[in-house]
Amino acid sequence: MSLSLKVLSRGREMRSRKSRSNLDWIISGAEITPNSLLDRFSRAPSPARVAQFGLGLRRVGSAAASVSLSASSFFSESFAFSAGNDSDAMGSRHKAGGFGQVDLRASSTAIVGSWFHVPELAVRDIVFTVPLDYSSPDGSLITIFVREVVAVGKEEHHQPYLLYLQGGPGFECGRPAEAGGWIKKACEEYRVILLDQRGTGLSTPLTSSTLSQFTSAQQQASYLQHFRADNIVRDAEYVRSRLLPQGERWSILGQSFGGFCAVTYLSMAPGGLRHVLLTGGLPPLGEGCTADMVYRECFKRVALQNAKFYSRFPRDEGLVRSIVLHLEAEGGVALPSGGTLTPRVLQLLGLTGLGSAGGFERLHYLLERAWDPRLVPDAKIRLSHTFLRMVEVWLLDFDTNPLYALLHESIYCQGAASKWAAQRIREEFGDEFDAVKAASKGEKVLFTGEMIFPWMFDELNALKPLKEAAEILAEKEDWPPLYDLETLGSNKVPVAAAVYYEDMYVSFKLSDASAAKIRGIRTWVTNEYMHSGIREDGPRILDHLFGLLKGSTLFGLGKRVNINVSADVVPSCWRLASLH
C-alpha cells in the first residue's frame, strides 16, 4: 500500500512554516422564557449578584418568544434547536432588515453592540443571558459573550456562519486586532463567531477572585461542574437559534479542546451543524473516565519531546540539572510575586516549551538567563530575577485562567472520577520524571507536559484557595455523558480533521482510534505541524480541510514521500476505506 506523508528534514525539529499575516431543548421538562429570565434581573441586584453574572445586564427589546425545554432522552436527534416557538420572531428579522441583523424580539436577553473596525475586519459584540444549569432554568444565570467578525464591507452580506471553539479548557477566544491568519481566510466566505466559552473572557469569567464569592469549597465545586463541553454546546445552540436565520445551520472549527467540544456537538445536536473542522482536537472516545489512557500516551510523547529538546540544545542538560539541585538545596526559591519555585514547578515549563512551534527555542532562551553573574568572587550564587520573573510569565495562565487546572481532568470523565489521573500515571513511570533523583544521578531532568497534579494547588499561589474544590471535583463520579457513540457511528455531518502525528497534547494513537468511530470523517495526518498549527499556518490548514470536505484533497501538498507498508500496520485514519 502506498501512502503520502509529509516529511521535513531529519536534522531539525519538525516545525510549521511561519505565517503572520419553540427552541426544543431535550433536558428536563422545565419551561423558560427570555422574559422570565429578564424579570429576575429587573429586581435590584446586589453587587455580588452582578459580579456573579460577570456583566451588568439591561432589558433590550420589547416582545420575547418563549423557549420550551421538553423532557426527552439527553442524546436525541431532536436535541438540536428547531426554533419552532421562535418562528414568527426569527422570520420577522429577515423580512424587515438585512443579513446579520439580530432580531431582539426573538431574544430579549441579547445585548448587541455596534460594528467597529480593525484593519480589514468589521467586528461587533453580542451578549446573551442563559441559565447556569439548563435543567434548572429558575436558578442562577450567566452571560455568554460572542464576537461576530466579517470582512469590511460585508456587514450586511448573506454569508454562512462559522463558529470557532477555542482550545482549553478555560480559555477565551483571542481578540482580533487585524485581518490575519485563519480568521482572514475564514472571512473570505464566512461570518466568523468567536465564542468566549462559559467561565472565560466576558462569559461570566471564573477566576480566583470571582470564585472567592462562594463561602465553601462545596459551593465552588457545585458551580464549576456546569462548565464542561456539554453546557458549552448548549450555549452554542442557544446563540445559533437567535443569531442565524430560522433553520439555518452553521459550521464549526474546533482547535484542541474546542475539537472535543465539536465532537460533543456532533453527539448532542448534529442538526445544528453544516460542517465540522477539527485541528488537533479528536477526543478519546470510551466509557467512564479516559484520563488514564490519555496520560499514559501523553507521558510517552513528553519523554520523546524532552529527548528532542536536549538533542537540539545539549548544554541545557547540565544547566537544568544545576537549577534543580540549587532549588532542592534551598528548599525552593521565592518567586517575585509570591509562591515558590521548586524542582517540580520548574518541570511545568514543558507544558509551553515542548509542544508548540518555536517552543524549544523559547525554553532555551529562558534557561540561558537562569543565573546572576558573580560580580564579587565570594558572592552567593543566585537565580536571576529576570529568570524568576520569566518563569512566572510562563505560568501566568494558572493565575488568570484557573478553570484550566480545575476542570482539566474532568473533560475526560463520563460517569466516573479522574482521581488525579496524571499523578497516578506519573507514578507508573517510577523515577523517570523525578527531577531531583535525575539531577543527583547526573541524568536528564525531564520536563512535564499537559498534566495537572494535586500538589500544584499547594505550590502555585493562584491555585491555593481552590485546593478543596479541586479535590471535590477529582473525586466526583456522576459526570454526565459527553459523547454518544451510536450517534457518532451514524453521523451524517461532513467532518474533516487535521491530526498532528507528533502532537504532545492530543495523542495521535488515540485520535486515530476515535476517528474510526465517527462515520464519514476525513482525516489529514501530518508531521509538518505541531499542536499549534492553526496559529502558525491557519490559512493553509483551512484550505486543506475545506479540500477534504469537498473531496478534492486526500493528502498534503508539497514534498511527498511514498511509504510502502502493509495495510495491517497503517493507522485506520490513513486508509481510504475510512475516508467514506
Protein backbone atom coordinates (compact mmCIF):
# COMPACT_ATOMS: atom_id res chain seq x y z
CA MET A 1 0.00 0.00 0.00
CA SER A 2 1.48 3.37 -1.00
CA LEU A 3 0.85 6.40 1.22
CA SER A 4 1.92 10.00 1.05
CA LEU A 5 3.30 11.60 4.22
CA LYS A 6 4.91 15.00 4.62
CA VAL A 7 8.48 14.70 5.86
CA LEU A 8 10.75 17.58 6.81
CA SER A 9 14.48 17.50 7.36
CA ARG A 10 15.51 14.95 9.97
CA GLY A 11 18.26 17.25 11.19
CA ARG A 12 15.91 19.71 12.80
CA GLU A 13 12.73 19.81 14.82
CA MET A 14 9.67 19.46 12.57
CA ARG A 15 8.04 22.85 12.63
CA SER A 16 5.39 24.67 10.75
CA ARG A 17 6.08 27.39 8.26
CA LYS A 18 5.52 30.82 9.75
CA SER A 19 2.57 32.82 8.51
CA ARG A 20 1.66 36.18 10.02
CA SER A 21 -0.36 37.62 8.22
CA ASN A 22 -40.34 26.74 20.42
CA LEU A 23 -36.21 26.09 20.62
CA ASP A 24 -36.52 22.50 21.75
CA TRP A 25 -34.03 21.62 24.49
CA ILE A 26 -34.07 17.98 25.42
CA ILE A 27 -33.20 18.26 29.04
CA SER A 28 -35.76 18.47 31.79
CA GLY A 29 -39.35 19.33 31.07
CA ALA A 30 -38.98 22.72 32.73
CA GLU A 31 -40.09 25.84 30.88
CA ILE A 32 -38.12 29.02 30.43
CA THR A 33 -38.75 32.21 28.50
CA PRO A 34 -36.37 35.09 27.84
CA ASN A 35 -38.84 37.41 29.55
CA SER A 36 -38.84 35.24 32.67
CA LEU A 37 -35.04 35.46 32.72
CA LEU A 38 -35.14 39.23 32.44
CA ASP A 39 -37.88 39.55 35.05
CA ARG A 40 -35.41 38.17 37.55
CA PHE A 41 -32.86 40.77 36.51
CA SER A 42 -35.42 43.55 36.96
CA ARG A 43 -35.07 43.11 40.71
CA ALA A 44 -32.40 45.32 42.20
CA PRO A 45 -29.34 43.00 42.26
CA SER A 46 -26.73 43.12 44.93
CA PRO A 47 -23.15 43.92 43.83
CA ALA A 48 -22.24 40.29 44.45
CA ARG A 49 -25.08 39.16 42.21
CA VAL A 50 -23.97 41.48 39.44
CA ALA A 51 -20.44 40.18 39.80
CA GLN A 52 -21.70 36.61 39.73
CA PHE A 53 -23.03 37.10 36.24
CA GLY A 54 -19.96 38.87 35.03
CA LEU A 55 -21.70 41.78 33.32
CA GLY A 56 -24.46 44.17 34.26
CA LEU A 57 -27.50 43.34 32.12
CA ARG A 58 -30.26 45.54 30.85
CA ARG A 59 -33.57 44.82 29.18
CA VAL A 60 -33.32 45.03 25.41
CA GLY A 61 -36.31 44.75 23.06
CA SER A 62 -39.96 44.57 23.92
CA ALA A 63 -41.54 41.25 22.99
CA ALA A 64 -39.88 37.91 23.54
CA ALA A 65 -40.69 34.45 22.30
CA SER A 66 -40.91 31.64 24.80
CA VAL A 67 -38.41 28.81 24.82
CA SER A 68 -39.66 25.41 25.87
CA LEU A 69 -37.42 22.77 27.39
CA SER A 70 -39.10 19.46 26.70
CA ALA A 71 -38.20 16.30 28.57
CA SER A 72 -36.65 13.58 26.47
CA SER A 73 -33.53 11.49 26.18
CA PHE A 74 -30.41 13.61 26.63
CA PHE A 75 -28.87 12.39 23.42
CA SER A 76 -31.67 12.81 20.92
CA GLU A 77 -31.68 13.99 17.34
CA SER A 78 -34.35 16.48 18.37
CA PHE A 79 -31.91 17.99 20.85
CA ALA A 80 -30.94 20.50 18.21
CA PHE A 81 -32.94 23.70 18.27
CA SER A 82 -35.91 23.60 15.94
CA ALA A 83 -36.79 27.25 16.67
CA GLY A 84 -40.44 26.28 16.47
CA ASN A 85 -41.67 28.76 19.06
CA ASP A 86 -39.44 31.48 17.66
CA SER A 87 -40.55 31.12 14.05
CA ASP A 88 -42.52 34.38 13.81
CA ALA A 89 -39.96 36.48 15.62
CA MET A 90 -36.96 34.99 13.82
CA GLY A 91 -38.71 35.26 10.47
CA SER A 92 -39.53 38.91 11.02
CA ARG A 93 -35.85 39.70 11.23
CA HIS A 94 -35.23 38.55 7.70
CA LYS A 95 -38.32 40.23 6.30
CA ALA A 96 -37.54 43.55 7.90
CA GLY A 97 -33.79 44.02 7.55
CA GLY A 98 -30.52 42.94 6.06
CA PHE A 99 -28.48 39.86 6.82
CA GLY A 100 -26.64 39.84 10.12
CA GLN A 101 -29.33 41.78 11.99
CA VAL A 102 -30.21 40.26 15.36
CA ASP A 103 -33.95 40.49 16.00
CA LEU A 104 -34.15 41.38 19.67
CA ARG A 105 -37.81 40.36 19.69
CA ALA A 106 -36.54 36.81 19.29
CA SER A 107 -34.27 37.12 22.30
CA SER A 108 -34.89 40.00 24.65
CA THR A 109 -31.90 38.82 26.67
CA ALA A 110 -29.43 39.85 23.96
CA ILE A 111 -27.25 42.96 24.08
CA VAL A 112 -25.92 43.83 20.64
CA GLY A 113 -23.09 46.28 20.15
CA SER A 114 -22.41 48.49 17.17
CA TRP A 115 -19.98 47.47 14.47
CA PHE A 116 -16.43 48.72 14.91
CA HIS A 117 -13.43 48.21 12.70
CA VAL A 118 -9.91 46.85 12.92
CA PRO A 119 -7.76 46.66 9.78
CA GLU A 120 -9.80 44.82 7.10
CA LEU A 121 -12.34 43.46 9.57
CA ALA A 122 -15.69 44.61 10.96
CA VAL A 123 -16.43 43.42 14.48
CA ARG A 124 -19.36 43.62 16.89
CA ASP A 125 -20.02 42.28 20.37
CA ILE A 126 -23.14 40.37 21.40
CA VAL A 127 -24.05 39.21 24.90
CA PHE A 128 -26.69 36.61 25.73
CA THR A 129 -28.18 35.56 29.07
CA VAL A 130 -28.50 31.81 29.68
CA PRO A 131 -29.13 29.51 32.64
CA LEU A 132 -26.13 28.24 34.56
CA ASP A 133 -27.89 24.86 34.60
CA TYR A 134 -30.30 24.30 31.72
CA SER A 135 -32.16 21.66 33.71
CA SER A 136 -32.89 24.28 36.41
CA PRO A 137 -33.80 27.41 34.46
CA ASP A 138 -35.12 29.21 37.54
CA GLY A 139 -31.68 29.07 39.11
CA SER A 140 -28.62 31.21 38.52
CA LEU A 141 -27.97 32.95 35.21
CA ILE A 142 -24.73 33.59 33.40
CA THR A 143 -23.72 35.66 30.39
CA ILE A 144 -22.39 34.31 27.12
CA PHE A 145 -20.27 36.68 25.08
CA VAL A 146 -19.60 36.32 21.35
CA ARG A 147 -17.85 38.45 18.76
CA GLU A 148 -19.09 38.46 15.20
CA VAL A 149 -16.34 39.12 12.67
CA VAL A 150 -16.73 39.78 8.95
CA ALA A 151 -14.59 41.27 6.21
CA VAL A 152 -15.04 45.04 5.97
CA GLY A 153 -17.96 45.87 3.70
CA LYS A 154 -19.71 42.54 4.29
CA GLU A 155 -21.64 43.52 7.40
CA GLU A 156 -24.98 43.07 5.59
CA HIS A 157 -23.91 40.33 3.17
CA HIS A 158 -25.55 36.92 3.30
CA GLN A 159 -22.72 34.54 4.22
CA PRO A 160 -22.77 31.25 6.12
CA TYR A 161 -21.62 31.27 9.73
CA LEU A 162 -18.52 29.64 11.17
CA LEU A 163 -18.32 29.19 14.96
CA TYR A 164 -14.81 28.97 16.40
CA LEU A 165 -14.36 26.86 19.52
CA GLN A 166 -11.20 27.79 21.40
CA GLY A 167 -8.77 25.33 22.98
CA GLY A 168 -8.58 24.94 26.72
CA PRO A 169 -10.48 24.15 28.82
CA GLY A 170 -10.86 27.53 30.43
CA PHE A 171 -9.58 29.95 27.80
CA GLU A 172 -11.38 32.73 25.99
CA CYS A 173 -11.07 33.45 22.27
CA GLY A 174 -8.30 35.72 21.09
CA ARG A 175 -9.21 39.33 20.38
CA PRO A 176 -8.87 40.23 16.68
CA ALA A 177 -6.65 43.25 16.13
CA GLU A 178 -6.26 42.90 12.37
CA ALA A 179 -7.07 40.60 9.48
CA GLY A 180 -4.57 37.77 9.52
CA GLY A 181 -4.09 34.05 9.93
CA TRP A 182 -7.04 31.73 9.81
CA ILE A 183 -9.57 34.50 10.57
CA LYS A 184 -8.70 36.41 7.40
CA LYS A 185 -9.05 33.22 5.37
CA ALA A 186 -12.34 32.26 7.01
CA CYS A 187 -13.83 35.73 6.47
CA GLU A 188 -13.50 35.31 2.73
CA GLU A 189 -16.54 33.02 2.84
CA TYR A 190 -17.95 33.13 6.37
CA ARG A 191 -19.25 35.31 9.15
CA VAL A 192 -16.99 34.17 12.00
CA ILE A 193 -18.36 33.84 15.53
CA LEU A 194 -15.77 33.92 18.31
CA LEU A 195 -17.35 32.41 21.42
CA ASP A 196 -15.93 33.04 24.87
CA GLN A 197 -16.82 29.68 26.38
CA ARG A 198 -18.71 29.92 29.66
CA GLY A 199 -16.41 30.85 32.51
CA THR A 200 -13.87 32.61 30.28
CA GLY A 201 -13.27 36.09 28.88
CA LEU A 202 -16.53 38.04 29.13
CA SER A 203 -18.75 34.97 29.60
CA THR A 204 -19.11 35.17 33.39
CA PRO A 205 -15.36 34.67 33.89
CA LEU A 206 -14.33 32.34 36.69
CA THR A 207 -11.17 33.50 38.42
CA SER A 208 -9.78 33.12 41.91
CA SER A 209 -11.44 36.40 42.85
CA THR A 210 -14.91 35.61 41.44
CA LEU A 211 -14.86 32.10 42.90
CA SER A 212 -13.96 33.59 46.30
CA GLN A 213 -17.52 34.93 46.47
CA PHE A 214 -18.66 31.44 47.43
CA THR A 215 -18.46 30.60 51.11
CA SER A 216 -17.36 26.97 50.80
CA ALA A 217 -15.39 24.66 48.53
CA GLN A 218 -18.50 22.57 48.01
CA GLN A 219 -20.34 25.60 46.63
CA GLN A 220 -17.43 26.30 44.32
CA ALA A 221 -17.37 22.72 43.05
CA SER A 222 -21.14 22.64 42.58
CA TYR A 223 -20.91 25.76 40.45
CA LEU A 224 -17.87 24.61 38.49
CA GLN A 225 -19.46 21.33 37.42
CA HIS A 226 -21.59 23.23 34.89
CA PHE A 227 -18.66 24.49 32.81
CA ARG A 228 -17.81 21.47 30.68
CA ALA A 229 -18.31 20.75 26.98
CA ASP A 230 -21.95 19.63 27.29
CA ASN A 231 -23.05 23.06 28.51
CA ILE A 232 -20.72 24.85 26.11
CA VAL A 233 -22.64 23.09 23.33
CA ARG A 234 -25.97 24.12 24.88
CA ASP A 235 -24.76 27.70 24.95
CA ALA A 236 -23.68 27.48 21.32
CA GLU A 237 -27.08 26.18 20.25
CA TYR A 238 -28.76 28.96 22.21
CA VAL A 239 -26.69 31.50 20.30
CA ARG A 240 -27.22 29.80 16.94
CA SER A 241 -31.00 29.78 17.33
CA ARG A 242 -31.07 33.54 17.91
CA LEU A 243 -28.30 34.78 15.67
CA LEU A 244 -28.81 32.77 12.47
CA PRO A 245 -31.80 32.89 10.11
CA GLN A 246 -34.54 30.44 11.03
CA GLY A 247 -33.49 26.85 10.47
CA GLU A 248 -30.00 27.73 9.24
CA ARG A 249 -27.10 25.62 10.41
CA TRP A 250 -23.54 26.76 10.95
CA SER A 251 -20.13 25.22 10.51
CA ILE A 252 -17.75 24.90 13.45
CA LEU A 253 -13.98 24.95 13.76
CA GLY A 254 -12.64 23.34 16.92
CA GLN A 255 -9.00 23.66 17.99
CA SER A 256 -7.70 21.23 20.64
CA PHE A 257 -10.30 21.20 23.46
CA GLY A 258 -12.53 23.12 21.07
CA GLY A 259 -12.41 19.98 18.90
CA PHE A 260 -13.53 17.93 21.89
CA CYS A 261 -16.49 20.32 22.21
CA ALA A 262 -17.19 19.91 18.49
CA VAL A 263 -17.43 16.13 18.85
CA THR A 264 -19.78 16.64 21.80
CA TYR A 265 -21.79 18.90 19.48
CA LEU A 266 -21.89 16.09 16.89
CA SER A 267 -23.22 13.80 19.63
CA MET A 268 -25.79 16.17 21.14
CA ALA A 269 -27.02 18.48 18.41
CA PRO A 270 -25.89 17.42 14.93
CA GLY A 271 -28.99 19.04 13.42
CA GLY A 272 -27.42 22.46 14.01
CA LEU A 273 -24.26 21.70 12.01
CA ARG A 274 -23.32 22.07 8.32
CA HIS A 275 -19.67 21.07 8.57
CA VAL A 276 -17.20 20.32 11.35
CA LEU A 277 -13.49 21.15 11.12
CA LEU A 278 -11.11 19.81 13.77
CA THR A 279 -7.48 20.80 14.32
CA GLY A 280 -5.60 18.72 16.87
CA GLY A 281 -8.90 18.05 18.61
CA LEU A 282 -10.15 14.45 18.33
CA PRO A 283 -11.07 13.40 21.89
CA PRO A 284 -10.63 9.91 23.28
CA LEU A 285 -13.94 8.07 22.92
CA GLY A 286 -14.50 5.47 25.60
CA GLU A 287 -16.63 4.59 28.59
CA GLY A 288 -16.10 6.03 32.06
CA CYS A 289 -13.03 8.22 32.52
CA THR A 290 -10.47 8.01 29.72
CA ALA A 291 -7.89 10.14 31.54
CA ASP A 292 -5.66 7.19 32.49
CA MET A 293 -5.09 6.11 28.90
CA VAL A 294 -4.67 9.74 27.83
CA TYR A 295 -1.84 10.35 30.31
CA ARG A 296 -0.10 7.05 29.58
CA GLU A 297 0.24 8.13 25.98
CA CYS A 298 0.98 11.71 26.98
CA PHE A 299 3.91 10.86 29.25
CA LYS A 300 5.46 8.76 26.46
CA ARG A 301 5.23 11.64 23.99
CA VAL A 302 6.55 14.13 26.57
CA ALA A 303 9.59 11.91 27.14
CA LEU A 304 10.25 11.93 23.38
CA GLN A 305 9.92 15.71 23.24
CA ASN A 306 12.41 16.04 26.09
CA ALA A 307 14.89 13.87 24.20
CA LYS A 308 14.49 16.03 21.10
CA PHE A 309 14.92 19.22 23.13
CA TYR A 310 18.17 18.09 24.73
CA SER A 311 19.41 16.82 21.37
CA ARG A 312 18.89 20.32 19.97
CA PHE A 313 20.36 22.11 23.00
CA PRO A 314 22.72 19.59 24.71
CA ARG A 315 24.30 22.18 27.02
CA ASP A 316 20.90 22.77 28.61
CA GLU A 317 21.04 19.29 30.12
CA GLY A 318 23.68 20.33 32.66
CA LEU A 319 22.12 23.75 33.13
CA VAL A 320 18.74 22.29 34.09
CA ARG A 321 20.42 19.85 36.49
CA SER A 322 22.21 22.71 38.22
CA ILE A 323 18.94 24.65 38.62
CA VAL A 324 17.16 21.62 40.09
CA LEU A 325 19.96 20.89 42.58
CA HIS A 326 20.03 24.55 43.62
CA LEU A 327 16.26 24.60 44.17
CA GLU A 328 16.44 21.42 46.21
CA ALA A 329 19.29 22.70 48.35
CA GLU A 330 17.49 25.99 49.01
CA GLY A 331 14.16 24.35 49.75
CA GLY A 332 12.75 26.30 46.80
CA VAL A 333 13.27 29.90 45.72
CA ALA A 334 10.70 32.66 46.19
CA LEU A 335 9.14 33.98 43.01
CA PRO A 336 8.87 37.77 42.62
CA SER A 337 5.11 37.99 43.15
CA GLY A 338 4.81 35.22 45.73
CA GLY A 339 4.86 31.47 45.56
CA THR A 340 7.87 29.22 45.41
CA LEU A 341 9.84 27.79 42.52
CA THR A 342 10.53 24.14 43.30
CA PRO A 343 12.01 21.42 41.07
CA ARG A 344 8.59 20.09 40.09
CA VAL A 345 7.25 23.59 39.40
CA LEU A 346 10.27 24.09 37.13
CA GLN A 347 9.27 20.94 35.26
CA LEU A 348 5.92 22.57 34.39
CA LEU A 349 7.73 24.72 31.84
CA GLY A 350 7.43 21.77 29.47
CA LEU A 351 3.71 22.48 29.11
CA THR A 352 4.51 25.51 26.96
CA GLY A 353 8.05 24.76 25.86
CA LEU A 354 7.85 21.27 24.42
CA GLY A 355 4.66 21.09 22.40
CA SER A 356 4.30 24.07 20.08
CA ALA A 357 6.23 25.50 17.16
CA GLY A 358 9.18 27.52 18.42
CA GLY A 359 8.74 26.20 21.95
CA PHE A 360 12.18 24.59 22.11
CA GLU A 361 13.83 27.89 21.26
CA ARG A 362 11.77 29.87 23.77
CA LEU A 363 12.56 27.37 26.53
CA HIS A 364 16.26 27.50 25.68
CA TYR A 365 16.30 31.32 25.76
CA LEU A 366 14.52 31.26 29.10
CA LEU A 367 17.03 28.86 30.64
CA GLU A 368 20.07 30.82 29.43
CA ARG A 369 19.06 33.68 31.74
CA ALA A 370 18.92 31.41 34.82
CA TRP A 371 21.89 32.68 36.83
CA ASP A 372 23.00 36.06 38.07
CA PRO A 373 26.64 36.73 37.15
CA ARG A 374 29.13 36.85 40.03
CA LEU A 375 30.45 40.36 40.32
CA VAL A 376 32.19 39.57 43.63
CA PRO A 377 34.21 36.32 43.87
CA ASP A 378 32.68 35.15 47.16
CA ALA A 379 29.12 36.20 46.33
CA LYS A 380 26.42 33.57 46.74
CA ILE A 381 25.14 32.09 43.52
CA ARG A 382 21.57 33.14 42.78
CA LEU A 383 18.91 32.55 40.22
CA SER A 384 18.35 35.81 38.40
CA HIS A 385 15.31 38.00 38.96
CA THR A 386 14.86 38.04 35.17
CA PHE A 387 14.65 34.24 35.06
CA LEU A 388 12.27 34.02 38.01
CA ARG A 389 10.02 36.68 36.53
CA MET A 390 10.00 34.92 33.16
CA VAL A 391 9.04 31.67 34.86
CA GLU A 392 6.07 33.46 36.40
CA VAL A 393 5.02 34.75 32.99
CA TRP A 394 5.17 31.22 31.60
CA LEU A 395 2.93 30.04 34.45
CA LEU A 396 0.57 33.04 34.29
CA ASP A 397 -2.32 31.07 32.80
CA PHE A 398 -2.86 29.34 36.13
CA ASP A 399 -3.33 32.79 37.66
CA THR A 400 -5.66 34.28 35.05
CA ASN A 401 -7.42 31.12 33.88
CA PRO A 402 -7.69 28.71 36.83
CA LEU A 403 -10.55 26.86 35.12
CA TYR A 404 -7.87 25.12 33.05
CA ALA A 405 -6.43 23.46 36.15
CA LEU A 406 -9.74 22.91 37.95
CA LEU A 407 -11.55 21.14 35.11
CA HIS A 408 -8.71 19.70 33.09
CA GLU A 409 -9.13 16.06 34.02
CA SER A 410 -12.93 16.25 34.10
CA ILE A 411 -13.02 16.79 30.32
CA TYR A 412 -12.25 13.05 30.07
CA CYS A 413 -14.91 11.92 32.56
CA GLN A 414 -18.34 10.36 31.93
CA GLY A 415 -19.89 8.64 34.95
CA ALA A 416 -16.51 8.15 36.64
CA ALA A 417 -13.98 10.15 38.65
CA SER A 418 -10.48 11.04 37.44
CA LYS A 419 -8.95 10.70 40.94
CA TRP A 420 -5.91 12.78 39.89
CA ALA A 421 -5.12 10.55 36.93
CA ALA A 422 -1.99 12.41 35.83
CA GLN A 423 -0.35 11.97 39.24
CA ARG A 424 -1.28 8.28 39.40
CA ILE A 425 0.05 7.59 35.92
CA ARG A 426 3.22 9.58 36.61
CA GLU A 427 3.92 7.17 39.44
CA GLU A 428 3.67 4.25 36.99
CA PHE A 429 6.79 5.65 35.31
CA GLY A 430 8.81 5.26 38.50
CA ASP A 431 11.63 7.79 38.84
CA GLU A 432 11.65 8.78 35.16
CA PHE A 433 10.01 12.14 35.93
CA ASP A 434 11.62 12.65 39.36
CA ALA A 435 13.68 15.79 38.80
CA VAL A 436 15.77 15.64 41.97
CA LYS A 437 16.75 11.97 41.56
CA ALA A 438 17.63 12.51 37.93
CA ALA A 439 19.78 15.56 38.71
CA SER A 440 21.51 13.78 41.61
CA LYS A 441 22.46 10.91 39.29
CA GLY A 442 23.68 13.19 36.53
CA GLU A 443 20.79 12.18 34.26
CA LYS A 444 18.47 14.25 32.10
CA VAL A 445 15.78 16.12 34.03
CA LEU A 446 12.53 15.65 32.17
CA PHE A 447 10.01 18.44 31.91
CA THR A 448 6.34 17.52 32.14
CA GLY A 449 3.56 18.38 29.68
CA GLU A 450 -0.18 18.97 29.73
CA MET A 451 -0.89 17.45 33.12
CA ILE A 452 -2.43 18.82 36.29
CA PHE A 453 -1.09 17.48 39.58
CA PRO A 454 -2.65 17.84 43.06
CA TRP A 455 0.48 19.43 44.54
CA MET A 456 0.08 22.36 42.14
CA PHE A 457 -2.73 23.58 44.41
CA ASP A 458 -0.15 23.73 47.22
CA GLU A 459 2.75 25.31 45.36
CA LEU A 460 1.14 27.76 42.91
CA ASN A 461 -0.20 30.79 44.75
CA ALA A 462 -3.12 31.40 42.41
CA LEU A 463 -4.41 27.86 42.88
CA LYS A 464 -4.04 27.55 46.66
CA PRO A 465 -7.51 28.97 47.52
CA LEU A 466 -9.09 26.44 45.14
CA LYS A 467 -7.45 23.30 46.51
CA GLU A 468 -10.51 21.90 48.31
CA ALA A 469 -12.77 22.49 45.32
CA ALA A 470 -10.23 20.73 43.09
CA GLU A 471 -10.20 17.74 45.45
CA ILE A 472 -14.01 17.52 45.32
CA LEU A 473 -14.01 17.64 41.52
CA ALA A 474 -11.30 14.98 41.29
CA GLU A 475 -13.47 12.59 43.32
CA LYS A 476 -16.75 13.40 41.55
CA GLU A 477 -18.19 10.31 39.84
CA ASP A 478 -21.57 11.39 38.46
CA TRP A 479 -20.29 13.39 35.50
CA PRO A 480 -22.90 13.40 32.71
CA PRO A 481 -22.10 11.93 29.27
CA LEU A 482 -20.22 13.96 26.69
CA TYR A 483 -20.31 11.65 23.66
CA ASP A 484 -22.81 9.27 22.08
CA LEU A 485 -21.03 6.55 20.12
CA GLU A 486 -24.23 5.43 18.41
CA THR A 487 -24.91 8.93 17.10
CA LEU A 488 -21.28 9.36 16.03
CA GLY A 489 -21.34 5.97 14.32
CA SER A 490 -24.28 7.06 12.18
CA ASN A 491 -23.04 10.63 11.68
CA LYS A 492 -24.20 12.45 8.56
CA VAL A 493 -22.43 15.79 9.10
CA PRO A 494 -19.31 16.24 6.93
CA VAL A 495 -16.25 16.24 9.21
CA ALA A 496 -12.63 16.99 8.34
CA ALA A 497 -9.81 16.72 10.88
CA ALA A 498 -6.16 17.71 10.92
CA VAL A 499 -4.35 15.13 13.05
CA TYR A 500 -0.80 16.04 14.04
CA TYR A 501 1.41 12.98 14.13
CA GLU A 502 3.77 14.40 16.76
CA ASP A 503 1.12 16.17 18.86
CA MET A 504 2.22 16.29 22.50
CA TYR A 505 -1.19 17.36 23.80
CA VAL A 506 -3.65 15.17 21.87
CA SER A 507 -2.31 11.68 21.22
CA PHE A 508 -2.14 10.61 17.59
CA LYS A 509 -2.77 6.99 18.62
CA LEU A 510 -5.96 7.87 20.50
CA SER A 511 -7.06 10.30 17.78
CA ASP A 512 -6.74 7.55 15.20
CA ALA A 513 -8.89 5.23 17.32
CA SER A 514 -11.52 7.95 17.76
CA ALA A 515 -11.60 8.75 14.04
CA ALA A 516 -12.59 5.17 13.35
CA LYS A 517 -15.74 5.70 15.47
CA ILE A 518 -17.03 8.79 13.63
CA ARG A 519 -18.80 7.87 10.42
CA GLY A 520 -17.69 9.82 7.39
CA ILE A 521 -14.78 11.67 8.97
CA ARG A 522 -11.94 12.60 6.64
CA THR A 523 -8.59 12.95 8.34
CA TRP A 524 -5.36 14.58 7.26
CA VAL A 525 -2.40 13.15 9.16
CA THR A 526 0.69 15.35 9.01
CA ASN A 527 4.00 15.72 10.84
CA GLU A 528 4.63 19.15 9.34
CA TYR A 529 2.85 20.91 12.19
CA MET A 530 2.76 20.58 15.92
CA HIS A 531 -0.31 21.24 18.05
CA SER A 532 -0.21 24.95 17.29
CA GLY A 533 -0.60 24.53 13.53
CA ILE A 534 -3.77 26.62 13.25
CA ARG A 535 -1.93 29.54 14.80
CA GLU A 536 1.21 29.12 12.72
CA ASP A 537 -0.26 28.40 9.30
CA GLY A 538 -4.02 28.77 9.62
CA PRO A 539 -4.89 29.70 6.01
CA ARG A 540 -3.18 26.64 4.56
CA ILE A 541 -4.69 24.31 7.14
CA LEU A 542 -8.19 25.68 6.49
CA ASP A 543 -7.65 25.30 2.73
CA HIS A 544 -6.65 21.69 3.22
CA LEU A 545 -9.60 20.86 5.46
CA PHE A 546 -12.06 22.53 3.10
CA GLY A 547 -10.48 20.46 0.34
CA LEU A 548 -11.16 17.31 2.32
CA LEU A 549 -14.79 18.31 2.75
CA LYS A 550 -15.11 18.88 -0.99
CA GLY A 551 -13.37 15.61 -1.78
CA SER A 552 -10.57 17.37 -3.66
CA THR A 553 -7.78 16.58 -1.22
CA LEU A 554 -6.57 13.33 0.27
CA PHE A 555 -3.02 14.13 1.31
CA GLY A 556 -0.84 17.17 1.84
CA LEU A 557 0.60 19.32 -0.87
CA GLY A 558 4.30 19.92 -1.38
CA LYS A 559 7.07 17.36 -0.97
CA ARG A 560 5.85 13.78 -0.87
CA VAL A 561 7.50 10.60 0.27
CA ASN A 562 5.86 7.31 -0.71
CA ILE A 563 5.97 4.82 2.12
CA ASN A 564 5.18 1.21 1.33
CA VAL A 565 3.68 -0.53 4.32
CA SER A 566 1.27 -3.35 4.82
CA ALA A 567 -2.34 -2.42 5.47
CA ASP A 568 -2.40 -4.03 8.90
CA VAL A 569 0.11 -1.53 10.30
CA VAL A 570 -1.39 1.56 8.69
CA PRO A 571 -3.41 3.74 11.08
CA SER A 572 -7.08 3.38 10.27
CA CYS A 573 -7.45 7.11 9.64
CA TRP A 574 -4.95 6.83 6.75
CA ARG A 575 -6.87 4.11 4.95
CA LEU A 576 -9.00 5.15 2.04
CA ALA A 577 -11.77 2.97 3.40
CA SER A 578 -12.11 5.28 6.39
CA LEU A 579 -12.48 8.33 4.16
CA HIS A 580 -16.05 7.41 3.24
